[in-house]
Protein backbone atom coordinates (compact mmCIF):
# COMPACT_ATOMS: atom_id res chain seq x y z
CA UNK A 1 -179.89 451.91 -47.88
CA UNK A 2 -178.14 448.74 -46.35
CA UNK A 3 -174.52 447.94 -47.56
CA UNK A 4 -173.83 444.44 -48.69
CA UNK A 5 -171.62 443.69 -45.55
CA UNK A 6 -173.72 444.70 -42.83
CA UNK A 7 -173.54 443.26 -39.26
CA UNK A 8 -175.80 440.38 -39.76
CA UNK A 9 -174.23 439.38 -43.13
CA UNK A 10 -170.62 439.37 -41.51
CA UNK A 11 -171.86 437.32 -38.64
CA UNK A 12 -173.50 434.83 -40.92
CA UNK A 13 -170.24 434.50 -42.91
CA UNK A 14 -168.24 434.02 -39.79
CA UNK A 15 -170.74 431.29 -38.73
CA UNK A 16 -170.58 429.51 -42.05
CA UNK A 17 -166.72 429.66 -42.18
CA UNK A 18 -166.46 428.47 -38.57
CA UNK A 19 -168.88 425.70 -39.26
CA UNK A 20 -166.95 424.48 -42.36
CA UNK A 21 -163.62 424.66 -40.38
CA UNK A 22 -165.14 422.59 -37.61
CA UNK A 23 -166.61 419.92 -39.82
CA UNK A 24 -163.29 419.57 -41.75
CA UNK A 25 -161.28 419.29 -38.44
CA UNK A 26 -163.85 416.56 -37.10
CA UNK A 27 -163.71 414.72 -40.46
CA UNK A 28 -160.03 414.76 -40.38
CA UNK A 29 -159.79 413.44 -36.70
CA UNK A 30 -162.40 410.77 -37.23
CA UNK A 31 -160.66 409.41 -40.37
CA UNK A 32 -157.41 409.54 -38.58
CA UNK A 33 -158.83 407.51 -35.61
CA UNK A 34 -160.50 404.99 -38.03
CA UNK A 35 -156.95 404.45 -39.52
CA UNK A 36 -155.35 404.09 -36.26
CA UNK A 37 -158.08 401.63 -35.20
CA UNK A 38 -157.59 399.33 -38.13
CA UNK A 39 -153.76 399.49 -37.90
CA UNK A 40 -153.91 398.81 -34.09
CA UNK A 41 -156.31 395.93 -34.57
CA UNK A 42 -154.17 394.47 -37.44
CA UNK A 43 -151.04 394.81 -35.34
CA UNK A 44 -152.63 393.08 -32.36
CA UNK A 45 -154.13 390.41 -34.66
CA UNK A 46 -150.72 389.90 -36.12
CA UNK A 47 -148.86 389.40 -32.78
CA UNK A 48 -151.69 387.08 -31.54
CA UNK A 49 -151.37 384.88 -34.82
CA UNK A 50 -147.55 384.73 -34.41
CA UNK A 51 -147.98 383.21 -30.87
CA UNK A 52 -150.74 380.73 -32.02
CA UNK A 53 -148.58 379.60 -34.93
CA UNK A 54 -145.57 379.21 -32.69
CA UNK A 55 -147.65 377.23 -30.32
CA UNK A 56 -149.03 374.99 -32.92
CA UNK A 57 -145.60 374.47 -34.32
CA UNK A 58 -144.10 373.73 -31.03
CA UNK A 59 -146.86 370.97 -30.38
CA UNK A 60 -146.69 369.59 -33.84
CA UNK A 61 -143.74 370.60 -36.09
CA UNK A 62 -145.30 369.51 -39.38
CA UNK A 63 -144.55 371.13 -42.63
CA UNK A 64 -147.91 372.89 -42.61
CA UNK A 65 -147.41 374.41 -39.08
CA UNK A 66 -143.77 375.48 -40.18
CA UNK A 67 -145.31 377.23 -43.17
CA UNK A 68 -147.99 378.81 -41.01
CA UNK A 69 -145.23 380.06 -38.53
CA UNK A 70 -143.04 381.54 -41.32
CA UNK A 71 -146.04 383.37 -42.69
CA UNK A 72 -146.89 384.70 -39.30
CA UNK A 73 -143.34 385.96 -38.84
CA UNK A 74 -143.49 387.84 -42.23
CA UNK A 75 -146.80 389.51 -41.06
CA UNK A 76 -145.15 390.64 -37.85
CA UNK A 77 -142.61 392.29 -39.93
CA UNK A 78 -145.37 394.40 -41.49
CA UNK A 79 -146.50 395.90 -38.21
CA UNK A 80 -143.68 395.67 -35.68
CA UNK A 81 -140.58 397.59 -35.00
CA UNK A 82 -137.27 396.20 -36.44
CA UNK A 83 -136.10 395.05 -33.08
CA UNK A 84 -139.36 393.00 -32.46
CA UNK A 85 -139.14 391.50 -36.03
CA UNK A 86 -135.52 390.68 -35.37
CA UNK A 87 -136.22 388.99 -31.93
CA UNK A 88 -139.31 387.13 -33.59
CA UNK A 89 -137.17 385.89 -36.58
CA UNK A 90 -134.55 384.74 -34.16
CA UNK A 91 -136.77 382.81 -32.15
CA UNK A 92 -138.37 381.21 -35.16
CA UNK A 93 -135.02 380.06 -36.59
CA UNK A 94 -134.21 378.66 -33.24
CA UNK A 95 -137.47 376.85 -33.02
CA UNK A 96 -137.03 375.44 -36.54
CA UNK A 97 -133.42 374.38 -35.65
CA UNK A 98 -134.92 372.96 -32.23
CA UNK A 99 -131.81 374.52 -30.62
CA UNK A 100 -133.32 376.16 -27.68
CA UNK A 101 -135.88 376.19 -24.84
CA UNK A 102 -138.15 379.18 -25.99
CA UNK A 103 -138.96 380.37 -22.45
CA UNK A 104 -136.31 383.15 -22.04
CA UNK A 105 -137.08 384.39 -25.67
CA UNK A 106 -140.88 384.39 -25.21
CA UNK A 107 -140.53 386.65 -21.96
CA UNK A 108 -138.44 389.03 -23.94
CA UNK A 109 -140.65 389.08 -26.82
CA UNK A 110 -143.72 389.46 -24.96
CA UNK A 111 -142.40 392.33 -23.03
CA UNK A 112 -141.31 394.18 -26.27
CA UNK A 113 -144.65 393.35 -27.90
CA UNK A 114 -146.66 394.71 -24.83
CA UNK A 115 -144.54 397.88 -24.91
CA UNK A 116 -145.03 398.34 -28.57
CA UNK A 117 -148.90 397.93 -28.10
CA UNK A 118 -148.80 400.52 -25.15
CA UNK A 119 -146.70 402.89 -27.17
CA UNK A 120 -148.89 402.68 -30.18
CA UNK A 121 -152.04 403.40 -27.97
CA UNK A 122 -150.27 406.35 -26.41
CA UNK A 123 -149.60 407.97 -29.76
CA UNK A 124 -153.13 408.51 -30.78
């Protein structure tokens, strides 16, 4: 008479448990990658939108472009580090005051944003 837990049954149970664990891990990693991809895409788009809005404002400092730039700065704050947000905010205030030539700020902020995006990619 065979027992309930013979060699074949134990192998089947181990296979089923292993499969469930593998599927669970794969699901978790896939979900994590999808979330990262969405976050990274939003971060990149937000940075690009800031530069587009800043350029439009510099070319035509209308109330509409000023509002768009202000909104772009707020969106940068959602995805960037405090340092980047601070630099972007400072640049924007100076653009609104027309108190600077933005060249030096642009280089500094571009460098910070590039590093931020690179560090973000390396974390995944």
